Protein backbone atom coordinates (compact mmCIF):
# COMPACT_ATOMS: atom_id res chain seq x y z
CA MET A 1 -0.91 -31.55 0.14
CA LYS A 2 1.33 -32.39 3.11
CA PHE A 3 3.39 -29.22 2.63
CA LEU A 4 0.28 -27.03 3.13
CA PRO A 5 -0.81 -25.75 6.56
CA ASN A 6 -3.45 -27.83 8.37
CA ARG A 7 -6.19 -25.20 7.93
CA ILE A 8 -5.70 -25.02 4.18
CA ARG A 9 -5.60 -28.81 3.88
CA THR A 10 -8.87 -29.01 5.80
CA ILE A 11 -10.49 -26.41 3.55
CA LEU A 12 -9.39 -28.26 0.40
CA PHE A 13 -10.47 -31.62 1.81
CA LEU A 14 -13.95 -30.36 2.65
CA ALA A 15 -14.29 -28.56 -0.69
CA ILE A 16 -13.43 -31.75 -2.62
CA ARG A 17 -15.74 -33.83 -0.42
CA TYR A 18 -18.68 -31.45 -0.78
CA SER A 19 -18.17 -31.16 -4.54
CA LYS A 20 -18.87 -34.88 -4.97
CA GLY A 21 -22.34 -34.55 -3.46
CA ARG A 22 -23.81 -37.50 -1.65
CA SER A 23 -27.50 -37.11 -2.49
CA PRO A 24 -28.71 -37.93 -6.04
CA PHE A 25 -30.27 -34.47 -6.30
CA LEU A 26 -26.96 -32.70 -5.59
CA LYS A 27 -25.14 -35.00 -8.01
CA LEU A 28 -27.67 -34.13 -10.71
CA MET A 29 -27.29 -30.40 -10.02
CA ASN A 30 -23.48 -30.74 -10.13
CA PHE A 31 -23.74 -32.46 -13.50
CA LEU A 32 -26.13 -29.84 -14.93
CA SER A 33 -23.94 -27.00 -13.65
CA THR A 34 -20.81 -28.53 -15.18
CA PHE A 35 -22.65 -29.28 -18.44
CA GLY A 36 -23.94 -25.69 -18.67
CA VAL A 37 -20.45 -24.20 -18.31
CA PHE A 38 -19.12 -26.80 -20.78
CA VAL A 39 -21.68 -25.83 -23.44
CA GLY A 40 -21.11 -22.10 -22.92
CA VAL A 41 -17.31 -22.28 -23.09
CA CYS A 42 -17.37 -24.66 -26.06
CA ALA A 43 -19.81 -22.46 -27.99
CA LEU A 44 -17.86 -19.28 -27.24
CA ILE A 45 -14.53 -20.80 -28.37
CA VAL A 46 -16.03 -22.25 -31.56
CA VAL A 47 -17.88 -19.07 -32.58
CA LEU A 48 -14.92 -16.79 -31.81
CA SER A 49 -12.55 -19.07 -33.73
CA VAL A 50 -14.94 -19.05 -36.70
CA MET A 51 -15.24 -15.24 -36.59
CA THR A 52 -11.45 -14.93 -36.39
CA GLY A 53 -11.08 -17.40 -39.28
CA ILE A 54 -13.56 -15.52 -41.46
CA ARG A 55 -11.78 -12.22 -40.83
CA LYS A 56 -8.37 -13.73 -41.57
CA GLU A 57 -9.45 -15.51 -44.76
CA ILE A 58 -11.29 -12.51 -46.18
CA ARG A 59 -8.40 -10.25 -45.19
CA ASP A 60 -5.84 -12.51 -46.90
CA LYS A 61 -7.92 -12.77 -50.07
CA ILE A 62 -8.65 -9.05 -50.26
CA LEU A 63 -5.04 -8.07 -49.60
CA GLY A 64 -3.90 -10.58 -52.18
CA VAL A 65 -5.27 -8.49 -55.05
CA THR A 66 -6.15 -5.15 -53.44
CA PRO A 67 -3.35 -2.56 -53.21
CA HIS A 68 -2.07 -2.19 -49.66
CA ILE A 69 -1.57 1.50 -50.48
CA LEU A 70 -3.17 3.39 -53.37
CA ILE A 71 -1.40 6.54 -54.57
CA THR A 72 -3.56 9.12 -56.34
CA LYS A 73 -3.07 12.71 -57.43
CA HIS A 74 -5.32 15.50 -56.22
CA GLY A 75 -7.68 16.56 -59.00
CA GLY A 76 -6.03 14.72 -61.87
CA VAL A 77 -4.26 11.75 -63.37
CA ILE A 78 -0.64 10.68 -62.89
CA GLU A 79 1.50 11.28 -65.98
CA ASN A 80 5.09 10.75 -64.83
CA TRP A 81 4.30 7.43 -63.18
CA HIS A 82 7.66 5.82 -64.05
CA GLU A 83 9.49 8.26 -61.77
CA LEU A 84 7.03 7.75 -58.93
CA VAL A 85 7.30 3.97 -59.17
CA GLU A 86 11.10 4.17 -58.89
CA LYS A 87 10.88 6.44 -55.84
CA VAL A 88 8.39 4.27 -53.98
CA GLU A 89 9.75 0.80 -54.74
CA ASN A 90 13.08 1.65 -53.05
CA LEU A 91 11.40 2.24 -49.68
CA ASP A 92 11.86 -0.28 -46.87
CA GLY A 93 9.03 -2.80 -46.53
CA VAL A 94 7.74 -2.30 -50.11
CA ARG A 95 7.33 -5.60 -51.97
CA GLY A 96 6.30 -4.14 -55.29
CA VAL A 97 4.81 -1.11 -57.04
CA PHE A 98 2.79 -0.96 -60.26
CA PRO A 99 0.68 1.59 -62.18
CA LEU A 100 -3.03 0.92 -62.34
CA ILE A 101 -6.02 1.96 -64.43
CA VAL A 102 -9.47 0.69 -63.47
CA GLY A 103 -12.45 1.12 -65.78
CA ASN A 104 -15.88 -0.31 -66.49
CA ALA A 105 -16.65 -2.11 -69.72
CA ILE A 106 -18.96 -4.61 -71.37
CA MET A 107 -17.61 -8.06 -72.30
CA ARG A 108 -19.48 -9.75 -75.14
CA LYS A 109 -19.27 -13.22 -76.57
CA ASP A 110 -21.70 -14.04 -79.35
CA LYS A 111 -25.00 -12.54 -78.09
CA VAL A 112 -24.22 -12.74 -74.36
CA SER A 113 -22.90 -9.64 -72.55
CA PHE A 114 -21.71 -8.98 -69.01
CA SER A 115 -20.66 -5.82 -67.23
CA VAL A 116 -17.02 -6.13 -66.10
CA VAL A 117 -14.35 -4.17 -64.27
CA VAL A 118 -11.12 -3.94 -66.25
CA GLN A 119 -7.84 -3.58 -64.37
CA CYS A 120 -5.03 -2.42 -66.62
CA ILE A 121 -1.59 -3.36 -65.24
CA PRO A 122 1.81 -3.95 -66.84
CA PRO A 123 2.36 -7.74 -66.49
CA GLU A 124 6.07 -7.33 -65.71
CA TYR A 125 5.22 -5.36 -62.56
CA ILE A 126 2.59 -7.61 -61.02
CA LYS A 127 4.46 -10.94 -61.03
CA LYS A 128 6.38 -9.95 -57.91
CA ALA A 129 4.06 -7.31 -56.48
CA LEU A 130 0.81 -9.32 -56.49
CA LEU A 131 2.25 -12.84 -56.40
CA TYR A 132 -0.18 -13.24 -59.28
CA GLU A 133 0.64 -16.84 -60.18
CA ARG A 134 -1.12 -18.18 -57.07
CA PHE A 135 -4.46 -16.89 -58.45
CA LEU A 136 -3.88 -18.19 -62.00
CA LYS A 137 -5.81 -21.46 -62.28
CA ASP A 138 -5.58 -22.03 -66.03
CA GLY A 139 -3.55 -20.64 -68.94
CA SER A 140 -0.88 -17.95 -68.78
CA VAL A 141 -0.46 -14.36 -67.57
CA PHE A 142 -2.07 -11.67 -69.72
CA GLY A 143 -0.09 -9.47 -72.08
CA GLY A 144 -0.69 -7.44 -75.25
CA ASN A 145 -4.24 -8.09 -76.46
CA LYS A 146 -4.58 -11.15 -74.24
CA VAL A 147 -6.52 -10.87 -70.98
CA ASN A 148 -7.23 -12.90 -67.85
CA VAL A 149 -10.77 -13.24 -66.55
CA GLY A 150 -12.29 -14.37 -63.25
CA LYS A 151 -13.40 -17.98 -62.91
CA VAL A 152 -17.08 -17.14 -62.35
CA LEU A 153 -17.11 -14.69 -65.26
CA ALA A 154 -15.59 -17.33 -67.54
CA LYS A 155 -18.30 -19.78 -66.45
CA ASN A 156 -21.12 -17.27 -66.98
CA LEU A 157 -19.96 -16.40 -70.50
CA ASP A 158 -18.88 -19.99 -71.25
CA ILE A 159 -15.43 -18.86 -72.34
CA HIS A 160 -12.18 -20.80 -72.19
CA VAL A 161 -8.49 -20.18 -72.75
CA GLY A 162 -7.97 -19.32 -76.42
CA ASP A 163 -11.47 -17.89 -76.99
CA LYS A 164 -11.87 -14.36 -78.32
CA VAL A 165 -14.31 -11.84 -76.84
CA LEU A 166 -15.19 -8.21 -77.45
CA LEU A 167 -14.63 -5.49 -74.84
CA ILE A 168 -16.72 -2.32 -75.19
CA SER A 169 -16.00 0.75 -73.05
CA PRO A 170 -18.10 3.87 -72.33
CA TYR A 171 -15.37 5.99 -73.95
CA GLY A 172 -15.44 6.75 -77.65
CA GLY A 173 -15.95 9.46 -80.24
CA VAL A 174 -18.67 11.24 -82.17
CA THR A 175 -19.02 10.30 -85.82
CA LEU A 176 -21.54 11.02 -88.58
CA PHE A 177 -23.57 8.12 -87.23
CA GLY A 178 -23.52 9.38 -83.62
CA PHE A 179 -21.48 8.34 -80.65
CA VAL A 180 -19.40 5.20 -81.23
CA PRO A 181 -17.86 3.54 -78.13
CA ASN A 182 -14.34 2.18 -78.15
CA SER A 183 -14.14 -1.56 -78.59
CA LEU A 184 -11.31 -4.08 -78.57
CA GLU A 185 -11.24 -7.76 -79.48
CA VAL A 186 -9.11 -9.68 -76.99
CA GLU A 187 -8.09 -13.27 -76.48
CA ILE A 188 -8.55 -15.13 -73.19
CA SER A 189 -5.08 -16.26 -72.11
CA GLY A 190 -5.89 -17.35 -68.55
CA VAL A 191 -8.53 -17.81 -65.86
CA VAL A 192 -7.90 -16.52 -62.33
CA GLU A 193 -9.63 -17.39 -59.08
CA VAL A 194 -9.28 -14.94 -56.20
CA GLY A 195 -11.79 -16.83 -54.09
CA ILE A 196 -14.20 -13.92 -53.64
CA PHE A 197 -17.35 -14.24 -55.73
CA ASP A 198 -17.87 -10.50 -56.31
CA TRP A 199 -14.41 -10.26 -57.84
CA ASP A 200 -14.24 -13.55 -59.73
CA SER A 201 -17.50 -12.63 -61.46
CA VAL A 202 -16.49 -9.17 -62.77
CA PHE A 203 -12.72 -8.73 -62.92
CA VAL A 204 -10.75 -8.65 -66.17
CA PHE A 205 -6.97 -8.18 -66.07
CA MET A 206 -5.43 -6.45 -69.09
CA ASP A 207 -2.02 -5.17 -70.15
CA LEU A 208 -1.61 -1.44 -69.60
CA SER A 209 -0.27 -1.04 -73.13
CA ALA A 210 -3.62 -2.20 -74.57
CA CYS A 211 -5.63 0.04 -72.28
CA ASP A 212 -5.25 3.21 -74.40
CA GLU A 213 -7.35 1.83 -77.21
CA LEU A 214 -10.16 1.04 -74.80
CA PHE A 215 -10.12 3.96 -72.35
CA ASP A 216 -8.19 6.70 -74.23
CA THR A 217 -5.56 6.82 -71.50
CA ALA A 218 -2.60 8.03 -73.59
CA ASN A 219 0.46 8.03 -71.25
CA TRP A 220 -1.29 8.57 -67.93
CA VAL A 221 -2.55 6.27 -65.20
CA SER A 222 -5.28 6.87 -62.62
CA SER A 223 -3.31 5.56 -59.63
CA ILE A 224 -0.24 3.67 -58.44
CA ALA A 225 -0.60 0.54 -56.33
CA VAL A 226 1.85 -0.37 -53.58
CA MET A 227 2.18 -3.88 -52.10
CA LEU A 228 3.97 -4.31 -48.76
CA ASP A 229 5.76 -7.17 -47.04
CA ASP A 230 3.67 -6.45 -43.94
CA PRO A 231 0.19 -5.03 -44.74
CA ASP A 232 -0.28 -4.04 -41.09
CA LYS A 233 2.31 -1.28 -41.59
CA SER A 234 0.32 0.34 -44.40
CA GLU A 235 -0.55 3.49 -42.43
CA ILE A 236 3.08 4.13 -41.44
CA VAL A 237 4.37 3.58 -44.99
CA SER A 238 1.58 5.69 -46.52
CA SER A 239 2.55 8.64 -44.32
CA HIS A 240 6.16 8.21 -45.42
CA ILE A 241 5.13 8.11 -49.08
CA GLU A 242 3.10 11.31 -48.78
CA GLY A 243 6.11 12.99 -47.19
CA ILE A 244 8.32 11.97 -50.13
CA LEU A 245 5.92 12.71 -53.00
CA GLY A 246 4.60 16.02 -51.68
CA GLU A 247 1.24 17.66 -51.17
CA ASP A 248 -0.08 16.91 -54.68
CA PHE A 249 -0.32 13.19 -53.96
CA LEU A 250 -2.44 11.18 -51.58
CA ALA A 251 -1.42 7.71 -50.29
CA ILE A 252 -4.46 5.77 -49.08
CA PRO A 253 -3.78 2.63 -46.96
CA TRP A 254 -6.02 -0.43 -47.22
CA THR A 255 -7.19 0.15 -43.64
CA ARG A 256 -9.15 3.14 -45.03
CA THR A 257 -10.32 1.68 -48.34
CA GLN A 258 -11.63 -1.47 -46.60
CA LYS A 259 -12.54 0.21 -43.32
CA ASN A 260 -16.31 -0.37 -43.51
CA LEU A 261 -15.99 -4.11 -44.10
CA PHE A 262 -13.52 -4.83 -41.32
CA SER A 263 -15.22 -2.47 -38.88
CA ALA A 264 -18.49 -4.33 -39.45
CA MET A 265 -16.76 -7.67 -38.89
CA LYS A 266 -15.14 -6.40 -35.69
CA LEU A 267 -18.51 -5.14 -34.40
CA GLU A 268 -20.15 -8.44 -35.30
CA LYS A 269 -17.50 -10.39 -33.37
CA LEU A 270 -18.00 -8.13 -30.35
CA GLY A 271 -21.75 -8.70 -30.47
CA MET A 272 -21.36 -12.48 -30.69
CA THR A 273 -18.89 -12.41 -27.78
CA ILE A 274 -21.36 -10.55 -25.57
CA ILE A 275 -24.28 -12.82 -26.50
CA LEU A 276 -22.35 -16.06 -25.93
CA SER A 277 -20.83 -14.74 -22.72
CA LEU A 278 -24.38 -14.31 -21.45
CA ILE A 279 -24.90 -18.03 -22.09
CA ILE A 280 -22.02 -18.79 -19.72
CA VAL A 281 -23.40 -16.33 -17.16
CA ILE A 282 -26.82 -18.00 -17.33
CA ALA A 283 -25.15 -21.41 -16.99
CA SER A 284 -23.40 -20.16 -13.87
CA PHE A 285 -26.82 -19.63 -12.26
CA ASN A 286 -26.92 -23.42 -11.97
CA ILE A 287 -23.76 -23.19 -9.86
CA LEU A 288 -25.45 -20.61 -7.65
CA SER A 289 -28.44 -22.93 -7.19
CA THR A 290 -26.17 -25.88 -6.46
CA ILE A 291 -24.17 -23.99 -3.81
CA THR A 292 -27.38 -22.64 -2.26
CA VAL A 293 -28.80 -26.16 -1.86
CA LEU A 294 -25.43 -27.42 -0.61
CA VAL A 295 -25.19 -24.65 2.02
CA ARG A 296 -28.66 -25.48 3.34
CA ASP A 297 -27.71 -29.14 3.50
CA LYS A 298 -24.48 -28.36 5.39
CA MET A 299 -25.77 -25.84 7.93
CA LYS A 300 -24.78 -28.17 10.76
CA ASP A 301 -21.25 -28.52 9.36
CA ILE A 302 -20.91 -24.74 9.06
CA ALA A 303 -21.94 -24.29 12.69
CA ILE A 304 -19.42 -26.94 13.85
CA LEU A 305 -16.63 -25.30 11.85
CA LYS A 306 -17.41 -21.94 13.44
CA VAL A 307 -17.32 -23.54 16.90
CA PHE A 308 -13.88 -24.97 16.11
CA GLY A 309 -12.60 -21.50 15.28
CA PHE A 310 -12.88 -21.36 11.49
CA SER A 311 -13.39 -17.80 10.31
CA SER A 312 -16.20 -16.72 8.00
CA TRP A 313 -13.75 -16.33 5.10
CA GLU A 314 -12.31 -19.81 5.61
CA ILE A 315 -15.79 -21.34 5.53
CA ARG A 316 -16.65 -19.21 2.50
CA PHE A 317 -13.54 -20.53 0.73
CA ILE A 318 -14.79 -24.09 1.22
CA PHE A 319 -18.00 -23.47 -0.71
CA MET A 320 -16.27 -21.20 -3.21
CA GLY A 321 -13.91 -24.10 -3.87
CA VAL A 322 -16.91 -26.28 -4.69
CA GLY A 323 -18.29 -23.72 -7.15
CA LEU A 324 -14.91 -23.06 -8.73
CA TRP A 325 -14.27 -26.78 -9.09
CA ILE A 326 -17.60 -27.18 -10.92
CA GLY A 327 -16.69 -24.23 -13.14
CA LEU A 328 -13.17 -25.57 -13.72
CA ARG A 329 -14.48 -28.94 -14.87
CA GLY A 330 -16.82 -27.19 -17.30
CA ILE A 331 -13.98 -24.96 -18.53
CA ILE A 332 -11.66 -27.93 -19.17
CA MET A 333 -14.31 -29.97 -20.96
CA GLY A 334 -15.56 -26.93 -22.91
CA THR A 335 -12.04 -26.00 -23.98
CA LEU A 336 -11.34 -29.52 -25.24
CA GLY A 337 -14.67 -29.63 -27.06
CA GLY A 338 -14.20 -26.17 -28.57
CA VAL A 339 -10.65 -26.89 -29.73
CA ILE A 340 -11.66 -30.22 -31.32
CA ILE A 341 -14.68 -28.73 -33.14
CA SER A 342 -12.63 -25.72 -34.33
CA PHE A 343 -9.93 -28.06 -35.62
CA LEU A 344 -12.45 -30.21 -37.50
CA ILE A 345 -14.05 -27.13 -39.08
CA SER A 346 -10.64 -25.79 -40.13
CA LYS A 347 -9.23 -29.12 -41.33
CA TYR A 348 -12.14 -30.60 -43.23
CA GLY A 349 -14.29 -27.57 -44.15
CA ILE A 350 -17.40 -29.19 -42.71
CA VAL A 351 -19.73 -26.22 -43.35
CA GLN A 352 -20.06 -25.17 -47.00
CA LEU A 353 -21.32 -21.70 -47.91
CA PRO A 354 -22.96 -20.40 -51.12
CA GLU A 355 -20.28 -18.40 -52.94
CA ASP A 356 -22.78 -16.03 -54.52
CA VAL A 357 -23.91 -14.87 -51.05
CA TYR A 358 -20.69 -14.88 -49.02
CA PHE A 359 -17.11 -13.88 -49.79
CA ILE A 360 -15.95 -17.44 -49.05
CA SER A 361 -17.03 -20.94 -50.10
CA ARG A 362 -16.58 -22.71 -46.75
CA LEU A 363 -16.68 -21.80 -43.08
CA PRO A 364 -13.09 -21.28 -41.83
CA SER A 365 -11.78 -21.49 -38.29
CA GLU A 366 -8.70 -19.88 -36.75
CA LEU A 367 -8.08 -20.73 -33.09
CA SER A 368 -6.64 -17.83 -31.10
CA LEU A 369 -5.20 -18.01 -27.60
CA GLY A 370 -6.79 -14.64 -26.87
CA ASP A 371 -10.25 -16.06 -27.64
CA VAL A 372 -9.58 -19.11 -25.45
CA PHE A 373 -8.35 -16.94 -22.56
CA LEU A 374 -11.44 -14.73 -22.91
CA SER A 375 -13.68 -17.81 -22.62
CA TRP A 376 -11.76 -18.96 -19.53
CA PHE A 377 -12.05 -15.54 -17.90
CA VAL A 378 -15.80 -15.23 -18.48
CA ALA A 379 -16.47 -18.75 -17.19
CA PHE A 380 -14.15 -18.48 -14.18
CA PHE A 381 -15.44 -15.05 -13.16
CA SER A 382 -19.07 -16.20 -13.44
CA SER A 383 -18.30 -19.30 -11.37
CA PHE A 384 -16.56 -17.15 -8.77
CA LEU A 385 -19.50 -14.78 -8.37
CA SER A 386 -22.03 -17.62 -8.32
CA SER A 387 -20.21 -19.40 -5.49
CA PHE A 388 -19.41 -16.26 -3.47
CA PHE A 389 -22.86 -15.10 -2.34
CA PRO A 390 -24.94 -18.20 -1.38
CA VAL A 391 -23.00 -18.82 1.85
CA SER A 392 -23.28 -15.22 3.10
CA ARG A 393 -26.65 -15.66 4.81
CA ALA A 394 -25.62 -18.91 6.53
CA LEU A 395 -22.52 -17.27 8.00
CA LYS A 396 -24.63 -14.65 9.79
CA ARG A 397 -26.48 -17.24 11.86
CA GLU A 398 -25.28 -18.12 15.34
CA PRO A 399 -23.69 -21.60 15.44
CA PHE A 400 -25.32 -22.64 18.76
CA GLU A 401 -28.75 -21.73 17.47
CA VAL A 402 -28.17 -23.87 14.38
CA LEU A 403 -26.84 -26.81 16.44
CA ARG A 404 -29.77 -26.62 18.87
CA ARG A 405 -32.23 -26.87 15.99
CA GLU A 406 -30.30 -29.63 14.23
CA LEU A 407 -29.87 -31.70 17.39
């Protein structure tokens, strides 16, 4: 501190000295003020990291099996899909393209039936486009009359690799005995686990070549799925695709198909940020009380400083330094606590969640510098305001009047 001017060194010296607090009451108030900021900052960092982790994990899982861009045709099905696939897969940033048919069906084993969603995809297309092998937990990739089912669905129907089940679709034909739905006996060749309960409990993956017998598709597909190297560029690439394919086709990015979910998560994070920021603001009231008591205790010192030529702002900086130092201690301790708790949640999956209620099985955590900086800003700004006003009234009093009363 020797390189600083004498006035500034005096201000810092007095701020540090006052922040220690000589009376037990002031020491207790300092501790409570620091502890309040610590709890607020720690809670805000932990909750924001959890919200960020949930969004990231759900986003990664959804984009792992959901098309980043879905190409459909206005008012009809896509017949010349081979040509469209070749056009789109040569674009920059496209990882893979595959035709897709999605339909509802009933899966039956013995006397047990479940409603399922059948996704018909050529296996040779999805190996690169979907990185499908990372979801395959048992068996091999589907093909021909062999299908893959979700892990939860396999558990509910008590089916295993090698078992045969019956698929019944709502499509069919009219016979002398009435309407007869299409049905197809298939073999379970593998079990997949996406990690999202709603999907693992209903999805069935089937070869596109076997889809005609079930859904009467002939040579058409309902849509074409596009997977990108960078999903965040889906809106740019979708606009490019629409420009290439023409007005008859519509390219829908995942930011529109999943808009409701991620908008709700963003709004929820904003709400939690506001609520927890209020906790820090309330904690900063303790700093205001501490500085108010300190100013009353140091009225004589303030008067002496004014006699020695210290300006009102210089005296204000002394007490602001005390408040900011209390806030800074709370910020440092809260940051360390928040980072440690977030790391433990992320590393060891401390909090388990019911898979049938939530998209995920454990509470994730993803620490973001932006969330940490936001916590620092809220705490520092609250500490600044709380330490700014208490000294204002004392500065208006005449120093000789104060000294006459004190002496």
